[in-house]
Amino acid sequence: DANVVCRQLGCGRAVRAHGNAAFGRGHGPILRDEVGCEGHERNLWEC
C-alpha cells in the first residue's frame, strides 16, 4: 500500500509503512480501511 502512495507522489518507493498515528492524529473523515494494494496500482483509488 505504501509503495503505491510513494510512487503516486513521485517519492520513489516505500521505506517504511507506519500505523498507530506515527505522524500524529489526523482530522476529518476516515476515508479508507483495509486497503489491499498489490503494489502495481497507479494510484491509491485503484486498490
ModelCIF file with pLDDT and N, C-alpha, C, O atoms, coordinates in Angstrom:
data_MODEL
#
_entry.id   MODEL 
#
_entity.id                         1 
_entity.type                       polymer 
_entity.pdbx_number_of_molecules   1 
#
_entity_poly.entity_id                      1 
_entity_poly.type                           'polypeptide(L)' 
_entity_poly.nstd_linkage                   no 
_entity_poly.nstd_monomer                   no 
_entity_poly.pdbx_seq_one_letter_code       DANVVCRQLGCGRAVRAHGNAAFGRGHGPILRDEVGCEGHERNLWEC 
_entity_poly.pdbx_seq_one_letter_code_can   DANVVCRQLGCGRAVRAHGNAAFGRGHGPILRDEVGCEGHERNLWEC 
_entity_poly.pdbx_strand_id                 A 
#
loop_
_entity_poly_seq.entity_id 
_entity_poly_seq.num 
_entity_poly_seq.mon_id 
_entity_poly_seq.hetero 
1 1  ASP n 
1 2  ALA n 
1 3  ASN n 
1 4  VAL n 
1 5  VAL n 
1 6  CYS n 
1 7  ARG n 
1 8  GLN n 
1 9  LEU n 
1 10 GLY n 
1 11 CYS n 
1 12 GLY n 
1 13 ARG n 
1 14 ALA n 
1 15 VAL n 
1 16 ARG n 
1 17 ALA n 
1 18 HIS n 
1 19 GLY n 
1 20 ASN n 
1 21 ALA n 
1 22 ALA n 
1 23 PHE n 
1 24 GLY n 
1 25 ARG n 
1 26 GLY n 
1 27 HIS n 
1 28 GLY n 
1 29 PRO n 
1 30 ILE n 
1 31 LEU n 
1 32 ARG n 
1 33 ASP n 
1 34 GLU n 
1 35 VAL n 
1 36 GLY n 
1 37 CYS n 
1 38 GLU n 
1 39 GLY n 
1 40 HIS n 
1 41 GLU n 
1 42 ARG n 
1 43 ASN n 
1 44 LEU n 
1 45 TRP n 
1 46 GLU n 
1 47 CYS n 
#
_struct_asym.id          A 
_struct_asym.entity_id   1 
#
loop_
_ma_qa_metric.id 
_ma_qa_metric.mode 
_ma_qa_metric.name 
_ma_qa_metric.software_group_id 
_ma_qa_metric.type 
1 global pLDDT . pLDDT 
2 local  pLDDT . pLDDT 
#
_ma_qa_metric_global.metric_id      1 
_ma_qa_metric_global.metric_value   95.38 
_ma_qa_metric_global.model_id       1 
_ma_qa_metric_global.ordinal_id     1 
#
loop_
_ma_qa_metric_local.label_asym_id 
_ma_qa_metric_local.label_comp_id 
_ma_qa_metric_local.label_seq_id 
_ma_qa_metric_local.metric_id 
_ma_qa_metric_local.metric_value 
_ma_qa_metric_local.model_id 
_ma_qa_metric_local.ordinal_id 
A ASP 1  2 98.00 1 1  
A ALA 2  2 97.00 1 2  
A ASN 3  2 97.00 1 3  
A VAL 4  2 97.00 1 4  
A VAL 5  2 97.00 1 5  
A CYS 6  2 96.00 1 6  
A ARG 7  2 95.00 1 7  
A GLN 8  2 96.00 1 8  
A LEU 9  2 95.00 1 9  
A GLY 10 2 92.00 1 10 
A CYS 11 2 93.00 1 11 
A GLY 12 2 91.00 1 12 
A ARG 13 2 92.00 1 13 
A ALA 14 2 94.00 1 14 
A VAL 15 2 90.00 1 15 
A ARG 16 2 92.00 1 16 
A ALA 17 2 97.00 1 17 
A HIS 18 2 97.00 1 18 
A GLY 19 2 97.00 1 19 
A ASN 20 2 97.00 1 20 
A ALA 21 2 97.00 1 21 
A ALA 22 2 97.00 1 22 
A PHE 23 2 96.00 1 23 
A GLY 24 2 97.00 1 24 
A ARG 25 2 97.00 1 25 
A GLY 26 2 97.00 1 26 
A HIS 27 2 95.00 1 27 
A GLY 28 2 95.00 1 28 
A PRO 29 2 96.00 1 29 
A ILE 30 2 96.00 1 30 
A LEU 31 2 95.00 1 31 
A ARG 32 2 95.00 1 32 
A ASP 33 2 96.00 1 33 
A GLU 34 2 96.00 1 34 
A VAL 35 2 97.00 1 35 
A GLY 36 2 97.00 1 36 
A CYS 37 2 97.00 1 37 
A GLU 38 2 96.00 1 38 
A GLY 39 2 91.00 1 39 
A HIS 40 2 92.00 1 40 
A GLU 41 2 96.00 1 41 
A ARG 42 2 94.00 1 42 
A ASN 43 2 95.00 1 43 
A LEU 44 2 96.00 1 44 
A TRP 45 2 94.00 1 45 
A GLU 46 2 96.00 1 46 
A CYS 47 2 97.00 1 47 
#
loop_
_atom_site.group_PDB 
_atom_site.id 
_atom_site.type_symbol 
_atom_site.label_atom_id 
_atom_site.label_alt_id 
_atom_site.label_comp_id 
_atom_site.label_asym_id 
_atom_site.label_entity_id 
_atom_site.label_seq_id 
_atom_site.pdbx_PDB_ins_code 
_atom_site.Cartn_x 
_atom_site.Cartn_y 
_atom_site.Cartn_z 
_atom_site.occupancy 
_atom_site.B_iso_or_equiv 
_atom_site.pdbx_formal_charge 
_atom_site.auth_seq_id 
_atom_site.auth_comp_id 
_atom_site.auth_asym_id 
_atom_site.auth_atom_id 
_atom_site.pdbx_PDB_model_num 
ATOM 1   N N  . ASP A 1 1  ? 0.845   -1.207 0.000   1.00 98.00 ? 1  ASP A N  1 
ATOM 2   C CA . ASP A 1 1  ? 0.000   0.000  0.000   1.00 98.00 ? 1  ASP A CA 1 
ATOM 3   C C  . ASP A 1 1  ? 0.877   1.251  0.000   1.00 98.00 ? 1  ASP A C  1 
ATOM 4   O O  . ASP A 1 1  ? 0.637   2.194  -0.754  1.00 98.00 ? 1  ASP A O  1 
ATOM 5   N N  . ALA A 1 2  ? 1.899   1.241  0.863   1.00 97.00 ? 2  ALA A N  1 
ATOM 6   C CA . ALA A 1 2  ? 2.790   2.397  0.983   1.00 97.00 ? 2  ALA A CA 1 
ATOM 7   C C  . ALA A 1 2  ? 3.535   2.653  -0.327  1.00 97.00 ? 2  ALA A C  1 
ATOM 8   O O  . ALA A 1 2  ? 3.755   3.806  -0.697  1.00 97.00 ? 2  ALA A O  1 
ATOM 9   N N  . ASN A 1 3  ? 3.924   1.585  -1.032  1.00 97.00 ? 3  ASN A N  1 
ATOM 10  C CA . ASN A 1 3  ? 4.612   1.731  -2.314  1.00 97.00 ? 3  ASN A CA 1 
ATOM 11  C C  . ASN A 1 3  ? 3.773   2.484  -3.333  1.00 97.00 ? 3  ASN A C  1 
ATOM 12  O O  . ASN A 1 3  ? 4.284   3.332  -4.064  1.00 97.00 ? 3  ASN A O  1 
ATOM 13  N N  . VAL A 1 4  ? 2.489   2.172  -3.377  1.00 97.00 ? 4  VAL A N  1 
ATOM 14  C CA . VAL A 1 4  ? 1.588   2.850  -4.316  1.00 97.00 ? 4  VAL A CA 1 
ATOM 15  C C  . VAL A 1 4  ? 1.525   4.344  -4.002  1.00 97.00 ? 4  VAL A C  1 
ATOM 16  O O  . VAL A 1 4  ? 1.561   5.178  -4.907  1.00 97.00 ? 4  VAL A O  1 
ATOM 17  N N  . VAL A 1 5  ? 1.430   4.673  -2.709  1.00 97.00 ? 5  VAL A N  1 
ATOM 18  C CA . VAL A 1 5  ? 1.385   6.076  -2.290  1.00 97.00 ? 5  VAL A CA 1 
ATOM 19  C C  . VAL A 1 5  ? 2.670   6.799  -2.698  1.00 97.00 ? 5  VAL A C  1 
ATOM 20  O O  . VAL A 1 5  ? 2.618   7.887  -3.272  1.00 97.00 ? 5  VAL A O  1 
ATOM 21  N N  . CYS A 1 6  ? 3.824   6.193  -2.398  1.00 96.00 ? 6  CYS A N  1 
ATOM 22  C CA . CYS A 1 6  ? 5.102   6.847  -2.712  1.00 96.00 ? 6  CYS A CA 1 
ATOM 23  C C  . CYS A 1 6  ? 5.256   7.069  -4.209  1.00 96.00 ? 6  CYS A C  1 
ATOM 24  O O  . CYS A 1 6  ? 5.682   8.140  -4.642  1.00 96.00 ? 6  CYS A O  1 
ATOM 25  N N  . ARG A 1 7  ? 4.912   6.064  -4.995  1.00 95.00 ? 7  ARG A N  1 
ATOM 26  C CA . ARG A 1 7  ? 5.051   6.193  -6.442  1.00 95.00 ? 7  ARG A CA 1 
ATOM 27  C C  . ARG A 1 7  ? 4.099   7.255  -6.986  1.00 95.00 ? 7  ARG A C  1 
ATOM 28  O O  . ARG A 1 7  ? 4.471   8.049  -7.849  1.00 95.00 ? 7  ARG A O  1 
ATOM 29  N N  . GLN A 1 8  ? 2.874   7.262  -6.477  1.00 96.00 ? 8  GLN A N  1 
ATOM 30  C CA . GLN A 1 8  ? 1.880   8.239  -6.942  1.00 96.00 ? 8  GLN A CA 1 
ATOM 31  C C  . GLN A 1 8  ? 2.357   9.669  -6.683  1.00 96.00 ? 8  GLN A C  1 
ATOM 32  O O  . GLN A 1 8  ? 2.065   10.570 -7.470  1.00 96.00 ? 8  GLN A O  1 
ATOM 33  N N  . LEU A 1 9  ? 3.082   9.883  -5.598  1.00 95.00 ? 9  LEU A N  1 
ATOM 34  C CA . LEU A 1 9  ? 3.545   11.223 -5.227  1.00 95.00 ? 9  LEU A CA 1 
ATOM 35  C C  . LEU A 1 9  ? 4.911   11.567 -5.828  1.00 95.00 ? 9  LEU A C  1 
ATOM 36  O O  . LEU A 1 9  ? 5.446   12.644 -5.566  1.00 95.00 ? 9  LEU A O  1 
ATOM 37  N N  . GLY A 1 10 ? 5.479   10.657 -6.633  1.00 92.00 ? 10 GLY A N  1 
ATOM 38  C CA . GLY A 1 10 ? 6.802   10.898 -7.199  1.00 92.00 ? 10 GLY A CA 1 
ATOM 39  C C  . GLY A 1 10 ? 7.885   10.872 -6.138  1.00 92.00 ? 10 GLY A C  1 
ATOM 40  O O  . GLY A 1 10 ? 8.878   11.594 -6.233  1.00 92.00 ? 10 GLY A O  1 
ATOM 41  N N  . CYS A 1 11 ? 7.689   10.032 -5.120  1.00 93.00 ? 11 CYS A N  1 
ATOM 42  C CA . CYS A 1 11 ? 8.608   9.975  -3.985  1.00 93.00 ? 11 CYS A CA 1 
ATOM 43  C C  . CYS A 1 11 ? 9.390   8.668  -3.942  1.00 93.00 ? 11 CYS A C  1 
ATOM 44  O O  . CYS A 1 11 ? 9.897   8.283  -2.888  1.00 93.00 ? 11 CYS A O  1 
ATOM 45  N N  . GLY A 1 12 ? 9.491   7.987  -5.072  1.00 91.00 ? 12 GLY A N  1 
ATOM 46  C CA . GLY A 1 12 ? 10.265  6.749  -5.100  1.00 91.00 ? 12 GLY A CA 1 
ATOM 47  C C  . GLY A 1 12 ? 9.454   5.572  -4.588  1.00 91.00 ? 12 GLY A C  1 
ATOM 48  O O  . GLY A 1 12 ? 8.281   5.407  -4.923  1.00 91.00 ? 12 GLY A O  1 
ATOM 49  N N  . ARG A 1 13 ? 10.114  4.749  -3.758  1.00 92.00 ? 13 ARG A N  1 
ATOM 50  C CA . ARG A 1 13 ? 9.436   3.569  -3.222  1.00 92.00 ? 13 ARG A CA 1 
ATOM 51  C C  . ARG A 1 13 ? 9.294   3.721  -1.714  1.00 92.00 ? 13 ARG A C  1 
ATOM 52  O O  . ARG A 1 13 ? 9.886   4.619  -1.115  1.00 92.00 ? 13 ARG A O  1 
ATOM 53  N N  . ALA A 1 14 ? 8.515   2.851  -1.109  1.00 94.00 ? 14 ALA A N  1 
ATOM 54  C CA . ALA A 1 14 ? 8.315   2.922  0.339   1.00 94.00 ? 14 ALA A CA 1 
ATOM 55  C C  . ALA A 1 14 ? 9.513   2.351  1.083   1.00 94.00 ? 14 ALA A C  1 
ATOM 56  O O  . ALA A 1 14 ? 10.048  1.309  0.706   1.00 94.00 ? 14 ALA A O  1 
ATOM 57  N N  . VAL A 1 15 ? 9.925   3.028  2.127   1.00 90.00 ? 15 VAL A N  1 
ATOM 58  C CA . VAL A 1 15 ? 10.958  2.530  3.025   1.00 90.00 ? 15 VAL A CA 1 
ATOM 59  C C  . VAL A 1 15 ? 10.311  1.965  4.289   1.00 90.00 ? 15 VAL A C  1 
ATOM 60  O O  . VAL A 1 15 ? 10.770  0.965  4.841   1.00 90.00 ? 15 VAL A O  1 
ATOM 61  N N  . ARG A 1 16 ? 9.223   2.628  4.743   1.00 92.00 ? 16 ARG A N  1 
ATOM 62  C CA . ARG A 1 16 ? 8.503   2.160  5.915   1.00 92.00 ? 16 ARG A CA 1 
ATOM 63  C C  . ARG A 1 16 ? 7.005   2.417  5.747   1.00 92.00 ? 16 ARG A C  1 
ATOM 64  O O  . ARG A 1 16 ? 6.598   3.426  5.170   1.00 92.00 ? 16 ARG A O  1 
ATOM 65  N N  . ALA A 1 17 ? 6.207   1.504  6.253   1.00 97.00 ? 17 ALA A N  1 
ATOM 66  C CA . ALA A 1 17 ? 4.750   1.689  6.326   1.00 97.00 ? 17 ALA A CA 1 
ATOM 67  C C  . ALA A 1 17 ? 4.391   1.784  7.804   1.00 97.00 ? 17 ALA A C  1 
ATOM 68  O O  . ALA A 1 17 ? 4.618   0.844  8.566   1.00 97.00 ? 17 ALA A O  1 
ATOM 69  N N  . HIS A 1 18 ? 3.834   2.914  8.204   1.00 97.00 ? 18 HIS A N  1 
ATOM 70  C CA . HIS A 1 18 ? 3.558   3.160  9.627   1.00 97.00 ? 18 HIS A CA 1 
ATOM 71  C C  . HIS A 1 18 ? 2.064   3.077  9.935   1.00 97.00 ? 18 HIS A C  1 
ATOM 72  O O  . HIS A 1 18 ? 1.226   3.431  9.105   1.00 97.00 ? 18 HIS A O  1 
ATOM 73  N N  . GLY A 1 19 ? 1.748   2.609  11.129  1.00 97.00 ? 19 GLY A N  1 
ATOM 74  C CA . GLY A 1 19 ? 0.391   2.667  11.662  1.00 97.00 ? 19 GLY A CA 1 
ATOM 75  C C  . GLY A 1 19 ? 0.386   3.437  12.962  1.00 97.00 ? 19 GLY A C  1 
ATOM 76  O O  . GLY A 1 19 ? 1.355   4.116  13.302  1.00 97.00 ? 19 GLY A O  1 
ATOM 77  N N  . ASN A 1 20 ? -0.721  3.327  13.690  1.00 97.00 ? 20 ASN A N  1 
ATOM 78  C CA . ASN A 1 20 ? -0.848  3.913  15.033  1.00 97.00 ? 20 ASN A CA 1 
ATOM 79  C C  . ASN A 1 20 ? -0.520  5.407  15.076  1.00 97.00 ? 20 ASN A C  1 
ATOM 80  O O  . ASN A 1 20 ? 0.117   5.889  16.013  1.00 97.00 ? 20 ASN A O  1 
ATOM 81  N N  . ALA A 1 21 ? -0.963  6.127  14.050  1.00 97.00 ? 21 ALA A N  1 
ATOM 82  C CA . ALA A 1 21 ? -0.796  7.588  14.015  1.00 97.00 ? 21 ALA A CA 1 
ATOM 83  C C  . ALA A 1 21 ? 0.639   8.006  14.319  1.00 97.00 ? 21 ALA A C  1 
ATOM 84  O O  . ALA A 1 21 ? 0.870   8.891  15.142  1.00 97.00 ? 21 ALA A O  1 
ATOM 85  N N  . ALA A 1 22 ? 1.600   7.370  13.655  1.00 97.00 ? 22 ALA A N  1 
ATOM 86  C CA . ALA A 1 22 ? 3.019   7.663  13.882  1.00 97.00 ? 22 ALA A CA 1 
ATOM 87  C C  . ALA A 1 22 ? 3.351   9.129  13.614  1.00 97.00 ? 22 ALA A C  1 
ATOM 88  O O  . ALA A 1 22 ? 4.294   9.663  14.198  1.00 97.00 ? 22 ALA A O  1 
ATOM 89  N N  . PHE A 1 23 ? 2.592   9.782  12.741  1.00 96.00 ? 23 PHE A N  1 
ATOM 90  C CA . PHE A 1 23 ? 2.822   11.193 12.419  1.00 96.00 ? 23 PHE A CA 1 
ATOM 91  C C  . PHE A 1 23 ? 1.748   12.087 13.034  1.00 96.00 ? 23 PHE A C  1 
ATOM 92  O O  . PHE A 1 23 ? 1.479   13.181 12.537  1.00 96.00 ? 23 PHE A O  1 
ATOM 93  N N  . GLY A 1 24 ? 1.147   11.617 14.104  1.00 97.00 ? 24 GLY A N  1 
ATOM 94  C CA . GLY A 1 24 ? 0.097   12.383 14.757  1.00 97.00 ? 24 GLY A CA 1 
ATOM 95  C C  . GLY A 1 24 ? -1.276  12.009 14.222  1.00 97.00 ? 24 GLY A C  1 
ATOM 96  O O  . GLY A 1 24 ? -1.399  11.401 13.159  1.00 97.00 ? 24 GLY A O  1 
ATOM 97  N N  . ARG A 1 25 ? -2.295  12.379 14.966  1.00 97.00 ? 25 ARG A N  1 
ATOM 98  C CA . ARG A 1 25 ? -3.671  12.066 14.577  1.00 97.00 ? 25 ARG A CA 1 
ATOM 99  C C  . ARG A 1 25 ? -4.185  13.094 13.583  1.00 97.00 ? 25 ARG A C  1 
ATOM 100 O O  . ARG A 1 25 ? -4.015  14.300 13.759  1.00 97.00 ? 25 ARG A O  1 
ATOM 101 N N  . GLY A 1 26 ? -4.815  12.585 12.536  1.00 97.00 ? 26 GLY A N  1 
ATOM 102 C CA . GLY A 1 26 ? -5.393  13.477 11.538  1.00 97.00 ? 26 GLY A CA 1 
ATOM 103 C C  . GLY A 1 26 ? -6.758  13.985 11.957  1.00 97.00 ? 26 GLY A C  1 
ATOM 104 O O  . GLY A 1 26 ? -7.208  13.762 13.081  1.00 97.00 ? 26 GLY A O  1 
ATOM 105 N N  . HIS A 1 27 ? -7.404  14.669 11.037  1.00 95.00 ? 27 HIS A N  1 
ATOM 106 C CA . HIS A 1 27 ? -8.749  15.213 11.276  1.00 95.00 ? 27 HIS A CA 1 
ATOM 107 C C  . HIS A 1 27 ? -9.639  14.804 10.114  1.00 95.00 ? 27 HIS A C  1 
ATOM 108 O O  . HIS A 1 27 ? -9.175  14.253 9.116   1.00 95.00 ? 27 HIS A O  1 
ATOM 109 N N  . GLY A 1 28 ? -10.910 15.082 10.263  1.00 95.00 ? 28 GLY A N  1 
ATOM 110 C CA . GLY A 1 28 ? -11.828 14.797 9.170   1.00 95.00 ? 28 GLY A CA 1 
ATOM 111 C C  . GLY A 1 28 ? -12.200 13.325 9.130   1.00 95.00 ? 28 GLY A C  1 
ATOM 112 O O  . GLY A 1 28 ? -11.892 12.575 10.057  1.00 95.00 ? 28 GLY A O  1 
ATOM 113 N N  . PRO A 1 29 ? -12.857 12.914 8.064   1.00 96.00 ? 29 PRO A N  1 
ATOM 114 C CA . PRO A 1 29 ? -13.336 11.533 7.971   1.00 96.00 ? 29 PRO A CA 1 
ATOM 115 C C  . PRO A 1 29 ? -12.198 10.544 7.737   1.00 96.00 ? 29 PRO A C  1 
ATOM 116 O O  . PRO A 1 29 ? -11.141 10.909 7.223   1.00 96.00 ? 29 PRO A O  1 
ATOM 117 N N  . ILE A 1 30 ? -12.424 9.300  8.114   1.00 96.00 ? 30 ILE A N  1 
ATOM 118 C CA . ILE A 1 30 ? -11.513 8.217  7.757   1.00 96.00 ? 30 ILE A CA 1 
ATOM 119 C C  . ILE A 1 30 ? -12.086 7.590  6.486   1.00 96.00 ? 30 ILE A C  1 
ATOM 120 O O  . ILE A 1 30 ? -13.138 6.952  6.512   1.00 96.00 ? 30 ILE A O  1 
ATOM 121 N N  . LEU A 1 31 ? -11.376 7.783  5.379   1.00 95.00 ? 31 LEU A N  1 
ATOM 122 C CA . LEU A 1 31 ? -11.953 7.505  4.060   1.00 95.00 ? 31 LEU A CA 1 
ATOM 123 C C  . LEU A 1 31 ? -11.661 6.104  3.536   1.00 95.00 ? 31 LEU A C  1 
ATOM 124 O O  . LEU A 1 31 ? -12.330 5.644  2.611   1.00 95.00 ? 31 LEU A O  1 
ATOM 125 N N  . ARG A 1 32 ? -10.681 5.422  4.107   1.00 95.00 ? 32 ARG A N  1 
ATOM 126 C CA . ARG A 1 32 ? -10.345 4.080  3.640   1.00 95.00 ? 32 ARG A CA 1 
ATOM 127 C C  . ARG A 1 32 ? -9.963  3.204  4.832   1.00 95.00 ? 32 ARG A C  1 
ATOM 128 O O  . ARG A 1 32 ? -9.363  3.675  5.799   1.00 95.00 ? 32 ARG A O  1 
ATOM 129 N N  . ASP A 1 33 ? -10.325 1.915  4.745   1.00 96.00 ? 33 ASP A N  1 
ATOM 130 C CA . ASP A 1 33 ? -9.919  0.938  5.742   1.00 96.00 ? 33 ASP A CA 1 
ATOM 131 C C  . ASP A 1 33 ? -9.610  -0.361 4.987   1.00 96.00 ? 33 ASP A C  1 
ATOM 132 O O  . ASP A 1 33 ? -10.107 -0.586 3.884   1.00 96.00 ? 33 ASP A O  1 
ATOM 133 N N  . GLU A 1 34 ? -8.790  -1.201 5.598   1.00 96.00 ? 34 GLU A N  1 
ATOM 134 C CA . GLU A 1 34 ? -8.466  -2.498 4.981   1.00 96.00 ? 34 GLU A CA 1 
ATOM 135 C C  . GLU A 1 34 ? -8.005  -2.315 3.524   1.00 96.00 ? 34 GLU A C  1 
ATOM 136 O O  . GLU A 1 34 ? -8.450  -3.035 2.629   1.00 96.00 ? 34 GLU A O  1 
ATOM 137 N N  . VAL A 1 35 ? -7.117  -1.352 3.305   1.00 97.00 ? 35 VAL A N  1 
ATOM 138 C CA . VAL A 1 35 ? -6.582  -1.138 1.957   1.00 97.00 ? 35 VAL A CA 1 
ATOM 139 C C  . VAL A 1 35 ? -5.789  -2.375 1.540   1.00 97.00 ? 35 VAL A C  1 
ATOM 140 O O  . VAL A 1 35 ? -4.997  -2.905 2.318   1.00 97.00 ? 35 VAL A O  1 
ATOM 141 N N  . GLY A 1 36 ? -6.010  -2.827 0.307   1.00 97.00 ? 36 GLY A N  1 
ATOM 142 C CA . GLY A 1 36 ? -5.369  -4.061 -0.144  1.00 97.00 ? 36 GLY A CA 1 
ATOM 143 C C  . GLY A 1 36 ? -4.679  -3.934 -1.485  1.00 97.00 ? 36 GLY A C  1 
ATOM 144 O O  . GLY A 1 36 ? -4.967  -4.694 -2.410  1.00 97.00 ? 36 GLY A O  1 
ATOM 145 N N  . CYS A 1 37 ? -3.747  -2.958 -1.602  1.00 97.00 ? 37 CYS A N  1 
ATOM 146 C CA . CYS A 1 37 ? -2.997  -2.817 -2.858  1.00 97.00 ? 37 CYS A CA 1 
ATOM 147 C C  . CYS A 1 37 ? -2.100  -4.043 -3.069  1.00 97.00 ? 37 CYS A C  1 
ATOM 148 O O  . CYS A 1 37 ? -1.630  -4.665 -2.116  1.00 97.00 ? 37 CYS A O  1 
ATOM 149 N N  . GLU A 1 38 ? -1.881  -4.366 -4.338  1.00 96.00 ? 38 GLU A N  1 
ATOM 150 C CA . GLU A 1 38 ? -0.885  -5.390 -4.650  1.00 96.00 ? 38 GLU A CA 1 
ATOM 151 C C  . GLU A 1 38 ? 0.486   -4.753 -4.873  1.00 96.00 ? 38 GLU A C  1 
ATOM 152 O O  . GLU A 1 38 ? 1.510   -5.433 -4.802  1.00 96.00 ? 38 GLU A O  1 
ATOM 153 N N  . GLY A 1 39 ? 0.501   -3.454 -5.141  1.00 91.00 ? 39 GLY A N  1 
ATOM 154 C CA . GLY A 1 39 ? 1.760   -2.728 -5.287  1.00 91.00 ? 39 GLY A CA 1 
ATOM 155 C C  . GLY A 1 39 ? 2.008   -2.182 -6.670  1.00 91.00 ? 39 GLY A C  1 
ATOM 156 O O  . GLY A 1 39 ? 2.849   -1.301 -6.848  1.00 91.00 ? 39 GLY A O  1 
ATOM 157 N N  . HIS A 1 40 ? 1.276   -2.699 -7.672  1.00 92.00 ? 40 HIS A N  1 
ATOM 158 C CA . HIS A 1 40 ? 1.494   -2.246 -9.054  1.00 92.00 ? 40 HIS A CA 1 
ATOM 159 C C  . HIS A 1 40 ? 0.506   -1.147 -9.464  1.00 92.00 ? 40 HIS A C  1 
ATOM 160 O O  . HIS A 1 40 ? 0.641   -0.566 -10.541 1.00 92.00 ? 40 HIS A O  1 
ATOM 161 N N  . GLU A 1 41 ? -0.485  -0.862 -8.611  1.00 96.00 ? 41 GLU A N  1 
ATOM 162 C CA . GLU A 1 41 ? -1.522  0.112  -8.977  1.00 96.00 ? 41 GLU A CA 1 
ATOM 163 C C  . GLU A 1 41 ? -0.923  1.500  -9.199  1.00 96.00 ? 41 GLU A C  1 
ATOM 164 O O  . GLU A 1 41 ? 0.058   1.876  -8.559  1.00 96.00 ? 41 GLU A O  1 
ATOM 165 N N  . ARG A 1 42 ? -1.532  2.257  -10.120 1.00 94.00 ? 42 ARG A N  1 
ATOM 166 C CA . ARG A 1 42 ? -1.015  3.594  -10.417 1.00 94.00 ? 42 ARG A CA 1 
ATOM 167 C C  . ARG A 1 42 ? -1.362  4.594  -9.325  1.00 94.00 ? 42 ARG A C  1 
ATOM 168 O O  . ARG A 1 42 ? -0.624  5.555  -9.109  1.00 94.00 ? 42 ARG A O  1 
ATOM 169 N N  . ASN A 1 43 ? -2.474  4.379  -8.637  1.00 95.00 ? 43 ASN A N  1 
ATOM 170 C CA . ASN A 1 43 ? -2.816  5.272  -7.535  1.00 95.00 ? 43 ASN A CA 1 
ATOM 171 C C  . ASN A 1 43 ? -3.661  4.540  -6.492  1.00 95.00 ? 43 ASN A C  1 
ATOM 172 O O  . ASN A 1 43 ? -4.137  3.428  -6.725  1.00 95.00 ? 43 ASN A O  1 
ATOM 173 N N  . LEU A 1 44 ? -3.834  5.176  -5.360  1.00 96.00 ? 44 LEU A N  1 
ATOM 174 C CA . LEU A 1 44 ? -4.475  4.545  -4.214  1.00 96.00 ? 44 LEU A CA 1 
ATOM 175 C C  . LEU A 1 44 ? -5.942  4.210  -4.477  1.00 96.00 ? 44 LEU A C  1 
ATOM 176 O O  . LEU A 1 44 ? -6.482  3.279  -3.881  1.00 96.00 ? 44 LEU A O  1 
ATOM 177 N N  . TRP A 1 45 ? -6.597  4.975  -5.377  1.00 94.00 ? 45 TRP A N  1 
ATOM 178 C CA . TRP A 1 45 ? -8.024  4.723  -5.625  1.00 94.00 ? 45 TRP A CA 1 
ATOM 179 C C  . TRP A 1 45 ? -8.242  3.382  -6.322  1.00 94.00 ? 45 TRP A C  1 
ATOM 180 O O  . TRP A 1 45 ? -9.327  2.807  -6.228  1.00 94.00 ? 45 TRP A O  1 
ATOM 181 N N  . GLU A 1 46 ? -7.222  2.880  -7.019  1.00 96.00 ? 46 GLU A N  1 
ATOM 182 C CA . GLU A 1 46 ? -7.379  1.609  -7.739  1.00 96.00 ? 46 GLU A CA 1 
ATOM 183 C C  . GLU A 1 46 ? -7.329  0.407  -6.796  1.00 96.00 ? 46 GLU A C  1 
ATOM 184 O O  . GLU A 1 46 ? -7.712  -0.699 -7.177  1.00 96.00 ? 46 GLU A O  1 
ATOM 185 N N  . CYS A 1 47 ? -6.863  0.619  -5.577  1.00 97.00 ? 47 CYS A N  1 
ATOM 186 C CA . CYS A 1 47 ? -6.709  -0.505 -4.645  1.00 97.00 ? 47 CYS A CA 1 
ATOM 187 C C  . CYS A 1 47 ? -8.038  -0.828 -3.972  1.00 97.00 ? 47 CYS A C  1 
ATOM 188 O O  . CYS A 1 47 ? -8.109  -1.745 -3.153  1.00 97.00 ? 47 CYS A O  1 
#
